[in-house]
Amino acid sequence: MMRLLIVDDEPIEREGMEAILQKAFPHVLIAQAKNGRMAIDLADSFQPDLVLMDIMMPGMTGLEAIEIIQATHPTIKFVMVTAFDMFDYARQAIKLGVKDYVLKPSKASEIALTVGKVLEECQKERKAAKSRTLQSEKWEQAHTLVETDIVTQLLFDHVHEVHIDMLVEMLDIRSTLEKFVMVVVLPESALNYYLPIKERVRATGDAWVGALNGRQLPLIIFRDSKRSFRSQAIALATAILSLNKEGQESKWFVGIGQVCQTLDDIRQSYQEALIATMDTSLAVKYRFYMDVPALTIETDNLLIKQQQKDFFEHIRLGDWVAIRTRLLDIIQQYENVGNSLIYTQQRILELLWVANRVMDEMGMEVSTLFFSFQANDYRQLRTETLLLLDQMNSVYNAHYDQIEADKIHQVQQYIREHSHEDISLDTLAQRVSLSPIYISKMFKEKLGVNYIDYLTECRIDKAKKLLNDPEKSLKEITFEIGYHEPNYFSKVFKKMCGVSPKDYRKTLWSKQAKV
């Protein structure tokens, strides 16, 4: 409802003006003020869209009141009411942004016409402001979805680089900065802390916050050049842990991977952060990967990192034959070079822990794995390792036996029908009751594409049809297919089709003209 304030020191003038305006504009809420000071107070409490201000009042003049009100309420509009049709007043009023003036006395029709024009202008501006607010909210929502999708793809997915590049362009953080991964492990009872943690991370520095996977929340943190890596990470970990107000200190934990230079290397930092969370019983509830005790031979560092990377991929793909073969090969390699049995057992256990964490992310509850005894020889170590693998394999198979065969069809249909909306892996996961990681894996295995590729294809197919309608502008098509920026839509369209939307439309119309 529009609000109008009448300011005049004469009661009869105020009442007469209200009667005229209430009859002309019955849906407008009207208030009165008898002087400039009262008008200033009502500007705060009543918040009018338009003020009819008498210029010549005792004490504070109308022009003085307008100047004070505008300092704190710049969107309020004013119509000057005066019995003096004087140029100097008009000139000063124009400087203050007064929209028009009404002379005393004036016909009711003239007053209604003048006020009506300004009210209409107020209404248009209000609609425009509401539209801008809505667009801003949609953009913020899209920004959040893009951010979580980027983290998911970088840490868990194989994606086409073009899509990562385009998504990164939508975010303000410069992805060229050094970066590292932190993994926050939460108890089941604290999963509702996702948003408070996200807000705390936002307040303490530049970062991309991923989706909550099981009990783990991955964060990609961008380096602050003004501080050391260690001090930055400790400050953020401490800020996150300080949110725990329910006495669950022993169950919250933060693992911190090492710094990497490019997004291509971010998975390694993630794996390191996971390994750092293996023992959550420590007194200090955060740990750097570099502080994880290990009997590591210096020459084995690169080999161990590659082993961990390979293990991530094999677990996600469910390739248990490759996992079995790989573990037995590693044991054989360590035996051949003469490594101690205890060293080899620790390296194998570390890899099994990595596999355990990955399965946990994918929605499978796997108990922490340990060897039941210290092996006396390499033969026993192989036997015990294969027993642990069989346990994990059984959990994996049981999990996916419960998944219906038509899940992929459900996901495809949902994307086709809702491609104009902001669809994230989390949205799809909730729709079909699967984990985000599994949906990503399912797309690659069943369709050979990433889910963003499929979503993009649906949007571009719809755009091609809409481009055939000469009544629709590119901006309208952009919003109708689910994008928020015409320039971004044009980039995606050209990547997919080889030509810009404008050129594609010209081609369509050219073909129609020939027919």
Protein backbone atom coordinates (compact mmCIF):
# COMPACT_ATOMS: atom_id res chain seq x y z
CA MET A 1 0.00 0.00 0.00
CA MET A 2 1.25 3.47 -0.91
CA ARG A 3 1.71 5.96 1.96
CA LEU A 4 1.18 9.72 1.77
CA LEU A 5 1.97 12.38 4.38
CA ILE A 6 0.24 15.79 4.42
CA VAL A 7 2.20 18.53 6.22
CA ASP A 8 0.48 21.86 6.92
CA ASP A 9 0.16 24.10 9.99
CA GLU A 10 -3.52 24.80 9.22
CA PRO A 11 -5.85 21.96 10.40
CA ILE A 12 -8.56 22.89 7.93
CA GLU A 13 -6.08 22.71 5.05
CA ARG A 14 -4.86 19.28 6.16
CA GLU A 15 -8.37 17.88 6.56
CA GLY A 16 -9.52 19.30 3.23
CA MET A 17 -6.49 17.93 1.40
CA GLU A 18 -6.95 14.47 3.00
CA ALA A 19 -10.64 14.37 2.02
CA ILE A 20 -9.80 15.19 -1.61
CA LEU A 21 -6.97 12.66 -1.84
CA GLN A 22 -8.74 9.86 0.06
CA LYS A 23 -11.64 10.11 -2.38
CA ALA A 24 -9.33 10.16 -5.42
CA PHE A 25 -7.01 7.42 -4.11
CA PRO A 26 -8.97 5.19 -1.68
CA HIS A 27 -6.16 2.61 -1.42
CA VAL A 28 -3.55 5.13 -0.28
CA LEU A 29 -2.79 5.32 3.45
CA ILE A 30 -2.70 8.97 4.58
CA ALA A 31 -1.21 10.60 7.69
CA GLN A 32 -0.96 14.25 8.83
CA ALA A 33 1.74 16.43 10.41
CA LYS A 34 1.17 19.97 11.70
CA ASN A 35 4.76 21.20 11.38
CA GLY A 36 8.17 20.39 9.92
CA ARG A 37 9.54 18.75 13.10
CA MET A 38 6.60 16.38 13.28
CA ALA A 39 7.03 15.60 9.57
CA ILE A 40 10.66 14.59 10.22
CA ASP A 41 9.56 12.20 13.00
CA LEU A 42 6.80 10.68 10.85
CA ALA A 43 9.23 10.17 7.99
CA ASP A 44 10.97 7.65 10.28
CA SER A 45 7.89 5.95 11.75
CA PHE A 46 5.27 6.25 8.98
CA GLN A 47 7.76 5.96 6.08
CA PRO A 48 5.67 7.73 3.42
CA ASP A 49 6.26 7.32 -0.31
CA LEU A 50 5.11 10.88 -0.97
CA VAL A 51 4.97 14.03 1.20
CA LEU A 52 2.77 17.06 0.44
CA MET A 53 4.76 19.77 2.18
CA ASP A 54 3.46 23.25 2.97
CA ILE A 55 6.34 25.64 2.40
CA MET A 56 5.47 28.58 4.65
CA MET A 57 5.05 27.26 8.21
CA PRO A 58 6.08 28.90 11.49
CA GLY A 59 9.34 27.70 12.98
CA MET A 60 10.91 25.26 10.54
CA THR A 61 9.95 25.94 6.92
CA GLY A 62 8.84 23.19 4.58
CA LEU A 63 12.02 23.48 2.52
CA GLU A 64 14.15 23.03 5.65
CA ALA A 65 12.13 19.95 6.62
CA ILE A 66 12.51 18.51 3.11
CA GLU A 67 16.27 18.91 3.24
CA ILE A 68 16.51 17.08 6.59
CA ILE A 69 14.17 14.26 5.55
CA GLN A 70 16.00 13.69 2.28
CA ALA A 71 19.29 13.22 4.12
CA THR A 72 18.00 9.98 5.68
CA HIS A 73 15.18 9.02 3.29
CA PRO A 74 16.40 9.78 -0.24
CA THR A 75 13.62 7.77 -1.93
CA ILE A 76 10.75 9.83 -0.50
CA LYS A 77 9.18 12.17 -3.06
CA PHE A 78 7.79 15.63 -2.34
CA VAL A 79 5.08 17.87 -3.75
CA MET A 80 5.30 21.51 -2.61
CA VAL A 81 2.08 23.15 -1.35
CA THR A 82 2.13 26.94 -1.24
CA ALA A 83 -0.05 30.02 -1.57
CA PHE A 84 2.92 31.89 -3.05
CA ASP A 85 3.71 31.16 -6.68
CA MET A 86 7.22 32.52 -6.39
CA PHE A 87 10.19 31.70 -8.59
CA ASP A 88 12.76 31.66 -5.76
CA TYR A 89 10.83 29.02 -3.82
CA ALA A 90 10.34 26.92 -6.95
CA ARG A 91 14.03 27.10 -7.82
CA GLN A 92 15.09 26.03 -4.33
CA ALA A 93 12.49 23.26 -4.31
CA ILE A 94 13.76 21.90 -7.62
CA LYS A 95 17.29 21.71 -6.17
CA LEU A 96 15.87 19.61 -3.34
CA GLY A 97 14.21 17.25 -5.80
CA VAL A 98 10.58 18.36 -5.30
CA LYS A 99 8.54 16.68 -8.05
CA ASP A 100 5.77 19.30 -8.45
CA TYR A 101 3.80 21.94 -6.58
CA VAL A 102 0.16 22.63 -5.70
CA LEU A 103 -1.12 26.16 -5.25
CA LYS A 104 -3.53 27.18 -2.51
CA PRO A 105 -6.35 27.15 -3.36
CA SER A 106 -6.64 24.61 -6.23
CA LYS A 107 -9.47 22.57 -7.67
CA ALA A 108 -9.81 19.03 -6.35
CA SER A 109 -9.25 17.67 -9.87
CA GLU A 110 -5.98 19.59 -10.22
CA ILE A 111 -4.72 18.35 -6.86
CA ALA A 112 -5.64 14.75 -7.73
CA LEU A 113 -3.95 15.03 -11.13
CA THR A 114 -0.69 16.38 -9.69
CA VAL A 115 -0.54 13.91 -6.81
CA GLY A 116 -1.63 11.02 -9.07
CA LYS A 117 1.32 11.51 -11.40
CA VAL A 118 3.81 11.40 -8.54
CA LEU A 119 2.11 8.38 -6.91
CA GLU A 120 2.31 6.54 -10.22
CA GLU A 121 6.01 7.32 -10.37
CA CYS A 122 6.42 6.03 -6.79
CA GLN A 123 4.59 2.83 -7.73
CA LYS A 124 6.85 2.21 -10.74
CA GLU A 125 9.97 2.76 -8.68
CA ARG A 126 8.72 0.43 -5.96
CA LYS A 127 8.10 -2.34 -8.51
CA ALA A 128 11.52 -1.77 -10.04
CA ALA A 129 13.18 -1.92 -6.60
CA LYS A 130 11.30 -5.12 -5.78
CA SER A 131 12.40 -6.63 -9.07
CA ARG A 132 16.02 -5.68 -8.40
CA THR A 133 15.81 -7.20 -4.92
CA LEU A 134 14.34 -10.41 -6.33
CA GLN A 135 17.04 -10.60 -8.98
CA SER A 136 19.67 -9.99 -6.33
CA GLU A 137 18.27 -12.80 -4.18
CA LYS A 138 18.17 -15.14 -7.17
CA TRP A 139 21.74 -14.23 -8.04
CA GLU A 140 22.87 -14.90 -4.47
CA GLN A 141 21.12 -18.26 -4.55
CA ALA A 142 22.69 -19.10 -7.91
CA HIS A 143 26.08 -17.96 -6.58
CA THR A 144 25.78 -20.41 -3.65
CA LEU A 145 24.77 -23.28 -5.91
CA VAL A 146 27.65 -22.55 -8.28
CA GLU A 147 30.08 -22.51 -5.38
CA THR A 148 28.99 -25.87 -3.94
CA ASP A 149 28.96 -27.42 -7.41
CA ILE A 150 32.50 -26.22 -8.11
CA VAL A 151 33.75 -27.76 -4.86
CA THR A 152 31.93 -31.02 -5.62
CA GLN A 153 33.34 -31.21 -9.13
CA LEU A 154 36.89 -30.29 -8.15
CA LEU A 155 37.10 -32.74 -5.26
CA PHE A 156 34.93 -35.63 -6.42
CA ASP A 157 34.24 -35.38 -10.13
CA HIS A 158 35.70 -35.62 -13.62
CA VAL A 159 34.37 -32.60 -15.50
CA HIS A 160 34.92 -30.78 -18.74
CA GLU A 161 37.26 -27.87 -18.00
CA VAL A 162 35.10 -25.47 -19.99
CA HIS A 163 32.35 -25.77 -17.39
CA ILE A 164 34.69 -25.24 -14.47
CA ASP A 165 36.10 -22.14 -16.19
CA MET A 166 32.63 -20.73 -16.77
CA LEU A 167 31.47 -21.41 -13.24
CA VAL A 168 34.61 -19.91 -11.74
CA GLU A 169 33.98 -16.75 -13.78
CA MET A 170 30.72 -16.28 -11.87
CA LEU A 171 32.52 -16.11 -8.52
CA ASP A 172 34.47 -13.13 -7.22
CA ILE A 173 37.37 -15.06 -5.67
CA ARG A 174 40.42 -15.27 -7.91
CA SER A 175 41.08 -18.97 -8.44
CA THR A 176 44.72 -18.21 -9.35
CA LEU A 177 45.56 -17.73 -5.68
CA GLU A 178 47.30 -20.46 -3.70
CA LYS A 179 44.76 -22.63 -1.98
CA PHE A 180 44.30 -25.54 0.40
CA VAL A 181 41.49 -27.78 1.62
CA MET A 182 40.04 -28.10 5.09
CA VAL A 183 37.62 -30.89 6.02
CA VAL A 184 35.30 -30.32 8.98
CA VAL A 185 34.08 -33.58 10.57
CA LEU A 186 30.86 -33.22 12.58
CA PRO A 187 28.84 -35.60 14.75
CA GLU A 188 25.39 -36.60 13.47
CA SER A 189 23.76 -34.34 16.05
CA ALA A 190 25.62 -31.29 14.72
CA LEU A 191 24.80 -31.49 11.01
CA ASN A 192 22.48 -28.49 11.44
CA TYR A 193 25.61 -26.37 11.96
CA TYR A 194 26.20 -26.24 8.20
CA LEU A 195 24.89 -22.68 7.77
CA PRO A 196 26.59 -21.24 10.89
CA ILE A 197 29.89 -22.76 9.76
CA LYS A 198 29.38 -21.34 6.29
CA GLU A 199 28.73 -17.87 7.70
CA ARG A 200 31.78 -18.11 9.96
CA VAL A 201 33.99 -19.12 7.02
CA ARG A 202 32.61 -16.22 4.96
CA ALA A 203 33.41 -13.78 7.77
CA THR A 204 37.00 -14.90 8.18
CA GLY A 205 38.24 -14.89 4.59
CA ASP A 206 37.97 -16.02 0.99
CA ALA A 207 36.78 -19.59 0.53
CA TRP A 208 34.48 -21.90 -1.40
CA VAL A 209 32.19 -23.93 0.85
CA GLY A 210 31.15 -27.33 -0.45
CA ALA A 211 28.05 -29.41 0.26
CA LEU A 212 27.80 -31.49 3.41
CA ASN A 213 28.81 -35.05 2.46
CA GLY A 214 27.81 -37.44 5.19
CA ARG A 215 29.42 -35.94 8.29
CA GLN A 216 32.11 -34.08 6.37
CA LEU A 217 32.11 -30.51 5.11
CA PRO A 218 34.89 -29.70 2.58
CA LEU A 219 36.22 -26.15 2.28
CA ILE A 220 38.58 -24.76 -0.37
CA ILE A 221 40.45 -21.92 1.32
CA PHE A 222 42.35 -19.24 -0.59
CA ARG A 223 45.65 -18.12 0.85
CA ASP A 224 45.95 -14.81 2.64
CA SER A 225 49.30 -13.38 1.52
CA LYS A 226 49.50 -11.22 4.65
CA ARG A 227 49.66 -14.24 6.98
CA SER A 228 51.48 -17.53 7.10
CA PHE A 229 49.62 -20.63 5.92
CA ARG A 230 49.71 -22.14 9.39
CA SER A 231 48.38 -19.06 11.19
CA GLN A 232 45.58 -18.60 8.65
CA ALA A 233 44.49 -22.23 8.90
CA ILE A 234 44.63 -22.29 12.71
CA ALA A 235 42.59 -19.08 12.96
CA LEU A 236 39.88 -20.48 10.68
CA ALA A 237 39.84 -23.90 12.38
CA THR A 238 39.56 -22.22 15.78
CA ALA A 239 36.72 -19.99 14.54
CA ILE A 240 34.81 -23.02 13.26
CA LEU A 241 35.36 -25.09 16.39
CA SER A 242 34.21 -22.18 18.57
CA LEU A 243 30.69 -22.66 17.17
CA ASN A 244 30.35 -25.86 19.15
CA LYS A 245 28.27 -24.85 22.17
CA GLU A 246 26.89 -28.26 23.09
CA GLY A 247 29.86 -29.90 24.76
CA GLN A 248 30.69 -32.11 21.76
CA GLU A 249 34.34 -31.05 21.63
CA SER A 250 35.56 -34.62 21.27
CA LYS A 251 33.43 -35.18 18.16
CA TRP A 252 34.26 -32.05 16.15
CA PHE A 253 37.48 -32.14 14.15
CA VAL A 254 39.16 -30.21 11.34
CA GLY A 255 41.71 -31.74 8.96
CA ILE A 256 43.99 -29.41 6.98
CA GLY A 257 45.65 -30.32 3.68
CA GLN A 258 48.74 -28.68 2.26
CA VAL A 259 48.87 -25.63 -0.02
CA CYS A 260 48.67 -26.18 -3.78
CA GLN A 261 49.12 -23.80 -6.69
CA THR A 262 46.35 -24.75 -9.12
CA LEU A 263 42.83 -26.14 -9.07
CA ASP A 264 44.16 -29.22 -10.86
CA ASP A 265 46.06 -30.14 -7.70
CA ILE A 266 43.26 -29.44 -5.23
CA ARG A 267 42.27 -33.10 -4.88
CA GLN A 268 45.66 -33.89 -3.40
CA SER A 269 45.12 -31.27 -0.69
CA TYR A 270 41.66 -32.77 -0.06
CA GLN A 271 43.07 -36.27 0.34
CA GLU A 272 45.65 -34.89 2.76
CA ALA A 273 42.93 -33.15 4.77
CA LEU A 274 41.03 -36.44 5.00
CA ILE A 275 44.08 -38.28 6.25
CA ALA A 276 44.59 -35.58 8.87
CA THR A 277 41.10 -36.40 10.28
CA MET A 278 41.81 -40.10 10.79
CA ASP A 279 42.37 -39.76 14.54
CA THR A 280 39.73 -37.42 15.99
CA SER A 281 40.55 -38.33 19.61
CA LEU A 282 43.41 -35.83 19.77
CA ALA A 283 43.28 -33.15 22.46
CA VAL A 284 43.65 -30.38 19.87
CA LYS A 285 40.68 -30.68 17.50
CA TYR A 286 42.50 -29.79 14.31
CA ARG A 287 45.51 -31.28 12.61
CA PHE A 288 47.68 -30.48 9.61
CA TYR A 289 48.54 -33.27 7.21
CA MET A 290 52.19 -32.36 7.64
CA ASP A 291 51.83 -33.16 11.35
CA VAL A 292 50.45 -36.67 10.83
CA PRO A 293 53.07 -39.03 12.25
CA ALA A 294 54.32 -41.54 9.73
CA LEU A 295 57.32 -43.78 9.22
CA THR A 296 57.63 -42.32 5.74
CA ILE A 297 60.80 -42.88 3.76
CA GLU A 298 61.56 -39.67 1.87
CA THR A 299 61.81 -41.43 -1.50
CA ASP A 300 58.31 -42.85 -1.01
CA ASN A 301 56.51 -39.49 -0.81
CA LEU A 302 55.57 -39.22 -4.48
CA LEU A 303 54.64 -42.89 -4.66
CA ILE A 304 52.36 -42.60 -1.62
CA LYS A 305 50.59 -39.53 -3.02
CA GLN A 306 49.97 -41.31 -6.31
CA GLN A 307 48.70 -44.38 -4.47
CA GLN A 308 46.22 -42.27 -2.54
CA LYS A 309 45.04 -40.55 -5.71
CA ASP A 310 44.54 -43.86 -7.51
CA PHE A 311 42.68 -45.24 -4.53
CA PHE A 312 40.22 -42.36 -4.56
CA GLU A 313 39.33 -43.05 -8.18
CA HIS A 314 39.02 -46.83 -7.81
CA ILE A 315 36.77 -46.53 -4.74
CA ARG A 316 34.50 -44.00 -6.40
CA LEU A 317 34.18 -46.18 -9.49
CA GLY A 318 33.63 -49.32 -7.39
CA ASP A 319 36.46 -51.12 -9.19
CA TRP A 320 37.25 -53.65 -6.47
CA VAL A 321 39.35 -55.84 -8.75
CA ALA A 322 41.66 -52.89 -9.38
CA ILE A 323 41.70 -52.04 -5.68
CA ARG A 324 42.66 -55.59 -4.73
CA THR A 325 45.34 -55.79 -7.42
CA ARG A 326 46.73 -52.38 -6.50
CA LEU A 327 47.05 -53.18 -2.79
CA LEU A 328 48.75 -56.51 -3.42
CA ASP A 329 51.15 -54.81 -5.87
CA ILE A 330 52.03 -52.16 -3.26
CA ILE A 331 52.70 -54.80 -0.62
CA GLN A 332 54.91 -56.67 -3.09
CA GLN A 333 56.82 -53.49 -4.00
CA TYR A 334 57.55 -52.72 -0.35
CA GLU A 335 58.61 -56.28 0.30
CA ASN A 336 60.92 -56.27 -2.74
CA VAL A 337 62.78 -53.12 -1.63
CA GLY A 338 63.22 -54.46 1.89
CA ASN A 339 60.91 -52.12 3.81
CA SER A 340 60.09 -53.15 7.36
CA LEU A 341 56.84 -55.02 7.89
CA ILE A 342 55.50 -52.42 10.32
CA TYR A 343 56.21 -49.63 7.83
CA THR A 344 54.35 -51.48 5.05
CA GLN A 345 51.41 -52.24 7.33
CA GLN A 346 51.12 -48.56 8.24
CA ARG A 347 51.15 -47.51 4.58
CA ILE A 348 48.44 -50.06 3.70
CA LEU A 349 46.31 -49.02 6.67
CA GLU A 350 46.58 -45.38 5.59
CA LEU A 351 45.25 -46.28 2.14
CA LEU A 352 42.39 -48.26 3.67
CA TRP A 353 41.50 -45.27 5.82
CA VAL A 354 41.35 -43.11 2.70
CA ALA A 355 39.00 -45.65 1.11
CA ASN A 356 36.94 -45.68 4.30
CA ARG A 357 36.50 -41.90 4.20
CA VAL A 358 35.52 -41.91 0.54
CA MET A 359 32.84 -44.55 1.15
CA ASP A 360 31.55 -42.52 4.09
CA GLU A 361 31.13 -39.52 1.77
CA MET A 362 29.17 -41.67 -0.65
CA GLY A 363 26.63 -42.50 2.03
CA MET A 364 27.98 -45.86 3.22
CA GLU A 365 28.53 -46.45 6.90
CA VAL A 366 31.85 -48.23 7.26
CA SER A 367 33.38 -48.82 10.67
CA THR A 368 36.97 -47.68 11.15
CA LEU A 369 39.33 -50.33 9.80
CA PHE A 370 42.21 -51.79 11.78
CA PHE A 371 44.36 -54.84 11.44
CA SER A 372 43.35 -57.34 14.12
CA PHE A 373 46.98 -58.10 14.91
CA GLN A 374 50.52 -57.15 14.01
CA ALA A 375 51.47 -59.40 11.09
CA ASN A 376 54.48 -61.62 11.57
CA ASP A 377 55.29 -61.79 7.88
CA TYR A 378 54.18 -60.46 4.51
CA ARG A 379 51.95 -63.49 3.86
CA GLN A 380 49.87 -62.68 6.95
CA LEU A 381 49.74 -59.03 5.95
CA ARG A 382 48.30 -59.97 2.54
CA THR A 383 45.68 -62.23 4.12
CA GLU A 384 44.60 -59.63 6.67
CA THR A 385 44.48 -56.87 4.02
CA LEU A 386 42.22 -58.95 1.78
CA LEU A 387 39.88 -59.68 4.70
CA LEU A 388 39.48 -55.95 5.34
CA LEU A 389 38.88 -55.36 1.63
CA ASP A 390 36.17 -58.03 1.60
CA GLN A 391 34.40 -56.22 4.46
CA MET A 392 34.45 -52.96 2.55
CA ASN A 393 33.34 -54.62 -0.68
CA SER A 394 30.35 -56.22 1.08
CA VAL A 395 29.23 -52.83 2.45
CA TYR A 396 29.62 -51.28 -1.00
CA ASN A 397 27.59 -53.99 -2.77
CA ALA A 398 24.85 -53.98 -0.14
CA HIS A 399 24.52 -50.22 -0.51
CA TYR A 400 24.06 -50.24 -4.28
CA ASP A 401 21.82 -53.30 -4.33
CA GLN A 402 19.23 -51.14 -2.58
CA ILE A 403 19.25 -48.48 -5.29
CA GLU A 404 16.46 -48.79 -7.84
CA ALA A 405 17.41 -49.20 -11.48
CA ASP A 406 15.23 -46.30 -12.63
CA LYS A 407 17.04 -43.64 -10.56
CA ILE A 408 18.94 -42.33 -13.57
CA HIS A 409 15.66 -41.98 -15.50
CA GLN A 410 14.10 -40.07 -12.61
CA VAL A 411 17.06 -37.70 -12.48
CA GLN A 412 17.01 -37.11 -16.25
CA GLN A 413 13.28 -36.41 -16.23
CA TYR A 414 13.59 -34.02 -13.30
CA ILE A 415 16.40 -32.09 -15.01
CA ARG A 416 14.44 -31.83 -18.27
CA GLU A 417 11.33 -30.55 -16.49
CA HIS A 418 13.18 -28.16 -14.17
CA SER A 419 16.15 -27.08 -16.29
CA HIS A 420 15.00 -23.45 -15.97
CA GLU A 421 15.58 -23.61 -12.20
CA ASP A 422 18.82 -23.54 -10.19
CA ILE A 423 19.50 -27.27 -9.93
CA SER A 424 22.40 -28.49 -7.80
CA LEU A 425 23.67 -31.96 -7.01
CA ASP A 426 22.09 -31.54 -3.57
CA THR A 427 18.71 -30.81 -5.18
CA LEU A 428 18.93 -33.94 -7.34
CA ALA A 429 20.13 -36.01 -4.40
CA GLN A 430 17.15 -35.02 -2.26
CA ARG A 431 14.80 -35.66 -5.18
CA VAL A 432 15.82 -39.31 -5.68
CA SER A 433 17.22 -40.07 -2.20
CA LEU A 434 20.81 -40.61 -3.32
CA SER A 435 24.06 -39.01 -2.28
CA PRO A 436 25.38 -36.15 -4.48
CA ILE A 437 28.56 -38.13 -5.09
CA TYR A 438 26.68 -41.17 -6.35
CA ILE A 439 24.53 -39.10 -8.71
CA SER A 440 27.68 -37.63 -10.22
CA LYS A 441 29.18 -41.11 -10.56
CA MET A 442 25.92 -42.49 -12.01
CA PHE A 443 25.83 -39.81 -14.73
CA LYS A 444 29.36 -40.58 -15.87
CA GLU A 445 28.81 -44.33 -15.90
CA LYS A 446 25.32 -44.43 -17.44
CA LEU A 447 25.33 -41.42 -19.74
CA GLY A 448 29.02 -40.66 -20.21
CA VAL A 449 28.51 -36.99 -19.29
CA ASN A 450 28.65 -34.80 -16.22
CA TYR A 451 25.28 -33.73 -14.80
CA ILE A 452 26.11 -30.08 -15.58
CA ASP A 453 26.71 -31.09 -19.21
CA TYR A 454 23.26 -32.66 -19.29
CA LEU A 455 21.62 -29.66 -17.59
CA THR A 456 23.37 -27.33 -20.03
CA GLU A 457 22.23 -29.41 -23.02
CA CYS A 458 18.61 -29.21 -21.81
CA ARG A 459 18.85 -25.45 -21.39
CA ILE A 460 20.49 -24.90 -24.77
CA ASP A 461 17.90 -27.13 -26.51
CA LYS A 462 15.16 -25.01 -24.97
CA ALA A 463 17.01 -21.82 -25.97
CA LYS A 464 17.17 -22.99 -29.60
CA LYS A 465 13.39 -23.33 -29.66
CA LEU A 466 12.85 -19.96 -28.02
CA LEU A 467 15.24 -18.23 -30.42
CA ASN A 468 12.78 -19.09 -33.18
CA ASP A 469 10.27 -16.72 -31.55
CA PRO A 470 10.95 -13.17 -32.81
CA GLU A 471 8.91 -11.72 -29.93
CA LYS A 472 11.38 -12.90 -27.30
CA SER A 473 14.54 -10.93 -26.55
CA LEU A 474 17.82 -12.60 -25.62
CA LYS A 475 17.42 -11.27 -22.08
CA GLU A 476 13.98 -12.88 -21.76
CA ILE A 477 15.31 -16.17 -23.11
CA THR A 478 18.24 -16.04 -20.67
CA PHE A 479 15.94 -15.90 -17.64
CA GLU A 480 13.41 -18.33 -19.11
CA ILE A 481 15.94 -21.14 -19.55
CA GLY A 482 17.49 -20.72 -16.10
CA TYR A 483 20.46 -18.38 -16.47
CA HIS A 484 20.80 -15.04 -14.68
CA GLU A 485 23.24 -13.19 -16.93
CA PRO A 486 22.75 -12.75 -20.72
CA ASN A 487 26.52 -12.53 -21.26
CA TYR A 488 27.06 -15.83 -19.45
CA PHE A 489 24.26 -17.45 -21.47
CA SER A 490 25.88 -16.24 -24.69
CA LYS A 491 29.23 -17.74 -23.68
CA VAL A 492 27.67 -21.10 -22.87
CA PHE A 493 25.62 -21.11 -26.08
CA LYS A 494 28.65 -20.34 -28.23
CA LYS A 495 30.70 -23.06 -26.49
CA MET A 496 27.96 -25.60 -27.13
CA CYS A 497 26.83 -24.55 -30.61
CA GLY A 498 29.86 -22.83 -32.11
CA VAL A 499 27.92 -19.63 -32.81
CA SER A 500 26.41 -16.87 -30.67
CA PRO A 501 22.65 -16.84 -29.96
CA LYS A 502 22.26 -13.79 -32.23
CA ASP A 503 23.98 -15.53 -35.16
CA TYR A 504 21.99 -18.71 -34.54
CA ARG A 505 18.76 -16.72 -34.63
CA LYS A 506 19.80 -15.01 -37.89
CA THR A 507 20.46 -18.43 -39.41
CA LEU A 508 17.01 -19.66 -38.37
CA TRP A 509 15.27 -16.64 -39.83
CA SER A 510 17.34 -16.86 -43.00
CA LYS A 511 16.23 -20.47 -43.53
CA GLN A 512 12.61 -19.53 -42.92
CA ALA A 513 12.85 -16.68 -45.43
CA LYS A 514 14.14 -19.06 -48.13
CA VAL A 515 11.28 -21.44 -47.51
